Each structure stands twice: as structure tokens, then as C-alpha cells.
């Protein structure tokens, strides 16, 4: 299975908030990157990030996770 992910880590994300970040080797469907608004094709390696500081709790932050091109996340295109 190509969806294996890295160990989650905490990084600073948009607005200086703490985000949980996982690096994925691939996904089952295409996603739109919030950094560049371009498609991340199915099966492409990318980053999944979600806020640790959601006003409605950690579960809500996880529900609002976003899939980013690795380069967009690392270049901080937010």
C-alpha cells in the first residue's frame, strides 16, 4: 500500500499556529493544494497538515486537515 505516512510531527503553520504534519507517499484521490491551488494527483507524495489549535477541539482540527504539495508546505505558501 502506497499510502504509508511519516510519524506525525508538530510544525508552525499558517498564522503561526501549531500544526500536526504528516508526509504521505501517495493518496487515493486528487486533492487541491491550499498553497498554490493546483491539483495534487492521486498517488503523489504530499503533506497533510491540520491545526492543533482549533477553537472546537482537536477532533475539529483533524476534520479540517488539508493536503499540500510538499514544496508548498516547506516554502510556507500560506
PDB file of N, CA and C in Angstrom:
ATOM      1  N   UNK A   1       0.843  -1.180   0.000  1.00  0.00           N
ATOM      2  CA  UNK A   1       0.000   0.000   0.000  1.00  0.00           C
ATOM      3  C   UNK A   1       0.888   1.243   0.000  1.00  0.00           C
ATOM      4  N   UNK A   2       0.646   2.174  -0.918  1.00  0.00           N
ATOM      5  CA  UNK A   2       1.480   3.359  -1.061  1.00  0.00           C
ATOM      6  C   UNK A   2       1.055   4.531  -0.196  1.00  0.00           C
ATOM      7  N   UNK A   3       0.093   4.363   0.668  1.00  0.00           N
ATOM      8  CA  UNK A   3      -0.370   5.479   1.486  1.00  0.00           C
ATOM      9  C   UNK A   3       0.389   5.585   2.795  1.00  0.00           C
ATOM     10  N   UNK A   4       1.469   4.858   2.956  1.00  0.00           N
ATOM     11  CA  UNK A   4       2.229   4.917   4.195  1.00  0.00           C
ATOM     12  C   UNK A   4       2.645   6.342   4.490  1.00  0.00           C
ATOM     13  N   UNK A   5       2.598   6.698   5.766  1.00  0.00           N
ATOM     14  CA  UNK A   5       2.885   8.074   6.165  1.00  0.00           C
ATOM     15  C   UNK A   5       4.023   8.117   7.159  1.00  0.00           C
ATOM     16  N   UNK A   6       4.581   9.296   7.282  1.00  0.00           N
ATOM     17  CA  UNK A   6       5.614   9.525   8.282  1.00  0.00           C
ATOM     18  C   UNK A   6       4.974   9.593   9.662  1.00  0.00           C
ATOM     19  N   UNK A   7       5.814   9.600  10.655  1.00  0.00           N
ATOM     20  CA  UNK A   7       5.350   9.812  12.024  1.00  0.00           C
ATOM     21  C   UNK A   7       4.877  11.261  12.114  1.00  0.00           C
ATOM     22  N   UNK A   8       3.706  11.519  12.705  1.00  0.00           N
ATOM     23  CA  UNK A   8       3.244  12.909  12.816  1.00  0.00           C
ATOM     24  C   UNK A   8       4.222  13.749  13.625  1.00  0.00           C
ATOM     25  N   UNK A   9       4.395  14.982  13.199  1.00  0.00           N
ATOM     26  CA  UNK A   9       5.258  15.917  13.928  1.00  0.00           C
ATOM     27  C   UNK A   9       4.547  17.260  14.012  1.00  0.00           C
ATOM     28  N   UNK A  10       4.942  18.084  14.949  1.00  0.00           N
ATOM     29  CA  UNK A  10       4.358  19.411  15.097  1.00  0.00           C
ATOM     30  C   UNK A  10       5.270  20.433  14.438  1.00  0.00           C
ATOM     31  N   UNK A  11       4.661  21.290  13.612  1.00  0.00           N
ATOM     32  CA  UNK A  11       5.390  22.362  12.936  1.00  0.00           C
ATOM     33  C   UNK A  11       4.551  23.631  12.990  1.00  0.00           C
ATOM     34  N   UNK A  12       5.203  24.768  12.824  1.00  0.00           N
ATOM     35  CA  UNK A  12       4.487  26.031  12.744  1.00  0.00           C
ATOM     36  C   UNK A  12       3.867  26.149  11.361  1.00  0.00           C
ATOM     37  N   UNK A  13       2.581  26.497  11.321  1.00  0.00           N
ATOM     38  CA  UNK A  13       1.870  26.613  10.059  1.00  0.00           C
ATOM     39  C   UNK A  13       1.289  27.998   9.875  1.00  0.00           C
ATOM     40  N   UNK A  14       0.237  28.102   9.061  1.00  0.00           N
ATOM     41  CA  UNK A  14      -0.385  29.391   8.784  1.00  0.00           C
ATOM     42  C   UNK A  14      -0.759  30.142  10.058  1.00  0.00           C
ATOM     43  N   UNK A  15      -0.499  31.439  10.070  1.00  0.00           N
ATOM     44  CA  UNK A  15      -0.837  32.269  11.221  1.00  0.00           C
ATOM     45  C   UNK A  15       0.026  32.029  12.435  1.00  0.00           C
ATOM     46  N   UNK A  16       1.112  31.270  12.279  1.00  0.00           N
ATOM     47  CA  UNK A  16       1.987  30.975  13.408  1.00  0.00           C
ATOM     48  C   UNK A  16       1.443  29.914  14.342  1.00  0.00           C
ATOM     49  N   UNK A  17       0.350  29.267  13.963  1.00  0.00           N
ATOM     50  CA  UNK A  17      -0.270  28.229  14.790  1.00  0.00           C
ATOM     51  C   UNK A  17       0.514  26.921  14.685  1.00  0.00           C
ATOM     52  N   UNK A  18       0.378  26.076  15.700  1.00  0.00           N
ATOM     53  CA  UNK A  18       0.980  24.745  15.666  1.00  0.00           C
ATOM     54  C   UNK A  18       0.098  23.818  14.843  1.00  0.00           C
ATOM     55  N   UNK A  19       0.729  23.071  13.938  1.00  0.00           N
ATOM     56  CA  UNK A  19       0.032  22.115  13.092  1.00  0.00           C
ATOM     57  C   UNK A  19       0.665  20.747  13.256  1.00  0.00           C
ATOM     58  N   UNK A  20      -0.158  19.705  13.206  1.00  0.00           N
ATOM     59  CA  UNK A  20       0.346  18.345  13.096  1.00  0.00           C
ATOM     60  C   UNK A  20       0.544  18.086  11.612  1.00  0.00           C
ATOM     61  N   UNK A  21       1.701  17.550  11.264  1.00  0.00           N
ATOM     62  CA  UNK A  21       2.075  17.370   9.862  1.00  0.00           C
ATOM     63  C   UNK A  21       2.501  15.924   9.639  1.00  0.00           C
ATOM     64  N   UNK A  22       2.006  15.352   8.546  1.00  0.00           N
ATOM     65  CA  UNK A  22       2.424  14.011   8.126  1.00  0.00           C
ATOM     66  C   UNK A  22       2.814  14.072   6.660  1.00  0.00           C
ATOM     67  N   UNK A  23       3.895  13.414   6.336  1.00  0.00           N
ATOM     68  CA  UNK A  23       4.339  13.308   4.950  1.00  0.00           C
ATOM     69  C   UNK A  23       3.832  11.976   4.407  1.00  0.00           C
ATOM     70  N   UNK A  24       3.022  12.030   3.332  1.00  0.00           N
ATOM     71  CA  UNK A  24       2.444  10.828   2.733  1.00  0.00           C
ATOM     72  C   UNK A  24       3.170  10.476   1.443  1.00  0.00           C
ATOM     73  N   UNK A  25       3.280   9.190   1.188  1.00  0.00           N
ATOM     74  CA  UNK A  25       3.896   8.730  -0.065  1.00  0.00           C
ATOM     75  C   UNK A  25       2.911   8.774  -1.218  1.00  0.00           C
ATOM     76  N   UNK A  26       1.639   8.862  -0.942  1.00  0.00           N
ATOM     77  CA  UNK A  26       0.636   8.916  -2.000  1.00  0.00           C
ATOM     78  C   UNK A  26      -0.755   8.898  -1.418  1.00  0.00           C
ATOM     79  N   UNK A  27      -1.731   9.222  -2.231  1.00  0.00           N
ATOM     80  CA  UNK A  27      -3.125   9.232  -1.796  1.00  0.00           C
ATOM     81  C   UNK A  27      -3.993   8.519  -2.815  1.00  0.00           C
ATOM     82  N   UNK A  28      -5.234   8.243  -2.426  1.00  0.00           N
ATOM     83  CA  UNK A  28      -6.155   7.518  -3.300  1.00  0.00           C
ATOM     84  C   UNK A  28      -6.895   8.407  -4.283  1.00  0.00           C
ATOM     85  N   UNK A  29      -6.897   9.708  -4.040  1.00  0.00           N
ATOM     86  CA  UNK A  29      -7.646  10.615  -4.905  1.00  0.00           C
ATOM     87  C   UNK A  29      -6.887  11.931  -5.037  1.00  0.00           C
ATOM     88  N   UNK A  30      -7.264  12.739  -6.016  1.00  0.00           N
ATOM     89  CA  UNK A  30      -6.603  14.042  -6.153  1.00  0.00           C
ATOM     90  C   UNK A  30      -7.101  15.018  -5.085  1.00  0.00           C
ATOM     91  N   UNK A  31      -6.242  15.947  -4.708  1.00  0.00           N
ATOM     92  CA  UNK A  31      -6.583  16.996  -3.746  1.00  0.00           C
ATOM     93  C   UNK A  31      -6.149  18.328  -4.337  1.00  0.00           C
ATOM     94  N   UNK A  32      -6.731  19.412  -3.862  1.00  0.00           N
ATOM     95  CA  UNK A  32      -6.304  20.750  -4.265  1.00  0.00           C
ATOM     96  C   UNK A  32      -5.445  21.337  -3.161  1.00  0.00           C
ATOM     97  N   UNK A  33      -4.242  21.727  -3.507  1.00  0.00           N
ATOM     98  CA  UNK A  33      -3.301  22.310  -2.550  1.00  0.00           C
ATOM     99  C   UNK A  33      -3.760  23.723  -2.182  1.00  0.00           C
ATOM    100  N   UNK A  34      -3.903  24.031  -0.885  1.00  0.00           N
ATOM    101  CA  UNK A  34      -4.305  25.382  -0.497  1.00  0.00           C
ATOM    102  C   UNK A  34      -3.198  26.419  -0.682  1.00  0.00           C
ATOM    103  N   UNK A  35      -1.976  25.978  -0.925  1.00  0.00           N
ATOM    104  CA  UNK A  35      -0.868  26.910  -1.117  1.00  0.00           C
ATOM    105  C   UNK A  35      -0.834  27.502  -2.512  1.00  0.00           C
ATOM    106  N   UNK A  36      -0.990  26.651  -3.528  1.00  0.00           N
ATOM    107  CA  UNK A  36      -0.898  27.104  -4.920  1.00  0.00           C
ATOM    108  C   UNK A  36      -2.207  26.926  -5.683  1.00  0.00           C
ATOM    109  N   UNK A  37      -3.178  26.252  -5.079  1.00  0.00           N
ATOM    110  CA  UNK A  37      -4.498  25.998  -5.674  1.00  0.00           C
ATOM    111  C   UNK A  37      -4.420  25.107  -6.911  1.00  0.00           C
ATOM    112  N   UNK A  38      -3.363  24.306  -7.002  1.00  0.00           N
ATOM    113  CA  UNK A  38      -3.226  23.352  -8.096  1.00  0.00           C
ATOM    114  C   UNK A  38      -3.502  21.956  -7.563  1.00  0.00           C
ATOM    115  N   UNK A  39      -3.773  21.039  -8.472  1.00  0.00           N
ATOM    116  CA  UNK A  39      -4.133  19.671  -8.096  1.00  0.00           C
ATOM    117  C   UNK A  39      -2.902  18.873  -7.679  1.00  0.00           C
ATOM    118  N   UNK A  40      -3.070  18.093  -6.620  1.00  0.00           N
ATOM    119  CA  UNK A  40      -2.102  17.070  -6.223  1.00  0.00           C
ATOM    120  C   UNK A  40      -2.667  15.770  -6.793  1.00  0.00           C
ATOM    121  N   UNK A  41      -2.064  15.199  -7.819  1.00  0.00           N
ATOM    122  CA  UNK A  41      -2.632  14.000  -8.439  1.00  0.00           C
ATOM    123  C   UNK A  41      -2.675  12.803  -7.480  1.00  0.00           C
ATOM    124  N   UNK A  42      -3.643  11.935  -7.687  1.00  0.00           N
ATOM    125  CA  UNK A  42      -3.725  10.699  -6.904  1.00  0.00           C
ATOM    126  C   UNK A  42      -2.403   9.955  -7.034  1.00  0.00           C
ATOM    127  N   UNK A  43      -1.931   9.414  -5.924  1.00  0.00           N
ATOM    128  CA  UNK A  43      -0.692   8.653  -5.915  1.00  0.00           C
ATOM    129  C   UNK A  43       0.565   9.477  -5.721  1.00  0.00           C
ATOM    130  N   UNK A  44       0.430  10.803  -5.661  1.00  0.00           N
ATOM    131  CA  UNK A  44       1.603  11.680  -5.500  1.00  0.00           C
ATOM    132  C   UNK A  44       1.947  11.882  -4.032  1.00  0.00           C
ATOM    133  N   UNK A  45       3.228  11.916  -3.747  1.00  0.00           N
ATOM    134  CA  UNK A  45       3.683  12.222  -2.387  1.00  0.00           C
ATOM    135  C   UNK A  45       3.290  13.655  -2.048  1.00  0.00           C
ATOM    136  N   UNK A  46       2.860  13.869  -0.806  1.00  0.00           N
ATOM    137  CA  UNK A  46       2.457  15.202  -0.377  1.00  0.00           C
ATOM    138  C   UNK A  46       2.385  15.274   1.145  1.00  0.00           C
ATOM    139  N   UNK A  47       1.994  16.425   1.668  1.00  0.00           N
ATOM    140  CA  UNK A  47       1.901  16.677   3.107  1.00  0.00           C
ATOM    141  C   UNK A  47       0.436  16.815   3.493  1.00  0.00           C
ATOM    142  N   UNK A  48       0.073  16.264   4.646  1.00  0.00           N
ATOM    143  CA  UNK A  48      -1.241  16.511   5.240  1.00  0.00           C
ATOM    144  C   UNK A  48      -0.990  17.253   6.543  1.00  0.00           C
ATOM    145  N   UNK A  49      -1.693  18.376   6.725  1.00  0.00           N
ATOM    146  CA  UNK A  49      -1.484  19.196   7.922  1.00  0.00           C
ATOM    147  C   UNK A  49      -2.827  19.628   8.493  1.00  0.00           C
ATOM    148  N   UNK A  50      -2.900  19.670   9.830  1.00  0.00           N
ATOM    149  CA  UNK A  50      -4.104  20.164  10.497  1.00  0.00           C
ATOM    150  C   UNK A  50      -3.715  20.903  11.763  1.00  0.00           C
ATOM    151  N   UNK A  51      -4.540  21.873  12.113  1.00  0.00           N
ATOM    152  CA  UNK A  51      -4.255  22.751  13.242  1.00  0.00           C
ATOM    153  C   UNK A  51      -4.423  22.023  14.570  1.00  0.00           C
ATOM    154  N   UNK A  52      -3.508  22.290  15.481  1.00  0.00           N
ATOM    155  CA  UNK A  52      -3.625  21.773  16.845  1.00  0.00           C
ATOM    156  C   UNK A  52      -4.389  22.745  17.725  1.00  0.00           C
ATOM    157  N   UNK A  53      -4.750  23.898  17.173  1.00  0.00           N
ATOM    158  CA  UNK A  53      -5.328  24.974  17.963  1.00  0.00           C
ATOM    159  C   UNK A  53      -6.741  25.334  17.526  1.00  0.00           C
ATOM    160  N   UNK A  54      -7.517  24.360  17.068  1.00  0.00           N
ATOM    161  CA  UNK A  54      -8.885  24.621  16.650  1.00  0.00           C
ATOM    162  C   UNK A  54      -9.727  25.054  17.842  1.00  0.00           C
ATOM    163  N   UNK A  55     -10.573  26.045  17.638  1.00  0.00           N
ATOM    164  CA  UNK A  55     -11.455  26.525  18.712  1.00  0.00           C
ATOM    165  C   UNK A  55     -12.426  25.454  19.183  1.00  0.00           C
ATOM    166  N   UNK A  56     -12.698  24.485  18.317  1.00  0.00           N
ATOM    167  CA  UNK A  56     -13.682  23.458  18.637  1.00  0.00           C
ATOM    168  C   UNK A  56     -13.050  22.117  19.003  1.00  0.00           C
ATOM    169  N   UNK A  57     -11.771  22.122  19.341  1.00  0.00           N
ATOM    170  CA  UNK A  57     -11.097  20.917  19.805  1.00  0.00           C
ATOM    171  C   UNK A  57     -10.264  20.234  18.741  1.00  0.00           C
ATOM    172  N   UNK A  58      -9.478  19.272  19.207  1.00  0.00           N
ATOM    173  CA  UNK A  58      -8.534  18.566  18.334  1.00  0.00           C
ATOM    174  C   UNK A  58      -9.236  17.794  17.224  1.00  0.00           C
ATOM    175  N   UNK A  59     -10.400  17.206  17.531  1.00  0.00           N
ATOM    176  CA  UNK A  59     -11.115  16.446  16.505  1.00  0.00           C
ATOM    177  C   UNK A  59     -11.525  17.341  15.343  1.00  0.00           C
ATOM    178  N   UNK A  60     -11.933  18.563  15.652  1.00  0.00           N
ATOM    179  CA  UNK A  60     -12.328  19.511  14.602  1.00  0.00           C
ATOM    180  C   UNK A  60     -11.115  19.880  13.744  1.00  0.00           C
ATOM    181  N   UNK A  61      -9.977  20.083  14.377  1.00  0.00           N
ATOM    182  CA  UNK A  61      -8.764  20.372  13.620  1.00  0.00           C
ATOM    183  C   UNK A  61      -8.444  19.262  12.643  1.00  0.00           C
ATOM    184  N   UNK A  62      -8.584  18.012  13.091  1.00  0.00           N
ATOM    185  CA  UNK A  62      -8.329  16.860  12.223  1.00  0.00           C
ATOM    186  C   UNK A  62      -9.316  16.829  11.061  1.00  0.00           C
ATOM    187  N   UNK A  63     -10.590  17.143  11.329  1.00  0.00           N
ATOM    188  CA  UNK A  63     -11.596  17.179  10.265  1.00  0.00           C
ATOM    189  C   UNK A  63     -11.267  18.235   9.216  1.00  0.00           C
ATOM    190  N   UNK A  64     -10.571  19.285   9.617  1.00  0.00           N
ATOM    191  CA  UNK A  64     -10.246  20.388   8.715  1.00  0.00           C
ATOM    192  C   UNK A  64      -8.842  20.258   8.111  1.00  0.00           C
ATOM    193  N   UNK A  65      -8.278  19.065   8.134  1.00  0.00           N
ATOM    194  CA  UNK A  65      -6.931  18.871   7.592  1.00  0.00           C
ATOM    195  C   UNK A  65      -6.911  19.194   6.105  1.00  0.00           C
ATOM    196  N   UNK A  66      -5.747  19.596   5.660  1.00  0.00           N
ATOM    197  CA  UNK A  66      -5.552  19.965   4.264  1.00  0.00           C
ATOM    198  C   UNK A  66      -4.347  19.231   3.695  1.00  0.00           C
ATOM    199  N   UNK A  67      -4.440  18.937   2.414  1.00  0.00           N
ATOM    200  CA  UNK A  67      -3.377  18.247   1.691  1.00  0.00           C
ATOM    201  C   UNK A  67      -2.605  19.286   0.884  1.00  0.00           C
ATOM    202  N   UNK A  68      -1.288  19.324   1.074  1.00  0.00           N
ATOM    203  CA  UNK A  68      -0.405  20.312   0.455  1.00  0.00           C
ATOM    204  C   UNK A  68       0.644  19.618  -0.401  1.00  0.00           C
ATOM    205  N   UNK A  69       1.060  20.271  -1.495  1.00  0.00           N
ATOM    206  CA  UNK A  69       2.293  19.835  -2.151  1.00  0.00           C
ATOM    207  C   UNK A  69       3.399  19.985  -1.110  1.00  0.00           C
ATOM    208  N   UNK A  70       4.308  19.056  -1.058  1.00  0.00           N
ATOM    209  CA  UNK A  70       5.408  19.140  -0.093  1.00  0.00           C
ATOM    210  C   UNK A  70       6.168  20.452  -0.264  1.00  0.00           C
ATOM    211  N   UNK A  71       6.432  20.842  -1.495  1.00  0.00           N
ATOM    212  CA  UNK A  71       7.186  22.082  -1.727  1.00  0.00           C
ATOM    213  C   UNK A  71       6.405  23.315  -1.279  1.00  0.00           C
ATOM    214  N   UNK A  72       5.091  23.326  -1.436  1.00  0.00           N
ATOM    215  CA  UNK A  72       4.285  24.476  -0.993  1.00  0.00           C
ATOM    216  C   UNK A  72       4.313  24.590   0.527  1.00  0.00           C
ATOM    217  N   UNK A  73       4.181  23.461   1.228  1.00  0.00           N
ATOM    218  CA  UNK A  73       4.234  23.499   2.690  1.00  0.00           C
ATOM    219  C   UNK A  73       5.616  23.955   3.159  1.00  0.00           C
ATOM    220  N   UNK A  74       6.654  23.380   2.587  1.00  0.00           N
ATOM    221  CA  UNK A  74       8.015  23.701   3.028  1.00  0.00           C
ATOM    222  C   UNK A  74       8.425  25.131   2.670  1.00  0.00           C
ATOM    223  N   UNK A  75       7.864  25.688   1.600  1.00  0.00           N
ATOM    224  CA  UNK A  75       8.142  27.083   1.242  1.00  0.00           C
ATOM    225  C   UNK A  75       7.188  28.040   1.954  1.00  0.00           C
ATOM    226  N   UNK A  76       6.290  27.481   2.748  1.00  0.00           N
ATOM    227  CA  UNK A  76       5.334  28.270   3.546  1.00  0.00           C
ATOM    228  C   UNK A  76       4.449  29.159   2.678  1.00  0.00           C
ATOM    229  N   UNK A  77       3.847  28.558   1.662  1.00  0.00           N
ATOM    230  CA  UNK A  77       2.963  29.304   0.765  1.00  0.00           C
ATOM    231  C   UNK A  77       1.556  29.405   1.345  1.00  0.00           C
ATOM    232  N   UNK A  78       1.463  30.057   2.447  1.00  0.00           N
ATOM    233  CA  UNK A  78       0.146  30.302   3.018  1.00  0.00           C
ATOM    234  C   UNK A  78      -0.003  31.740   3.192  1.00  0.00           C
TER     235      UNK A  78
END
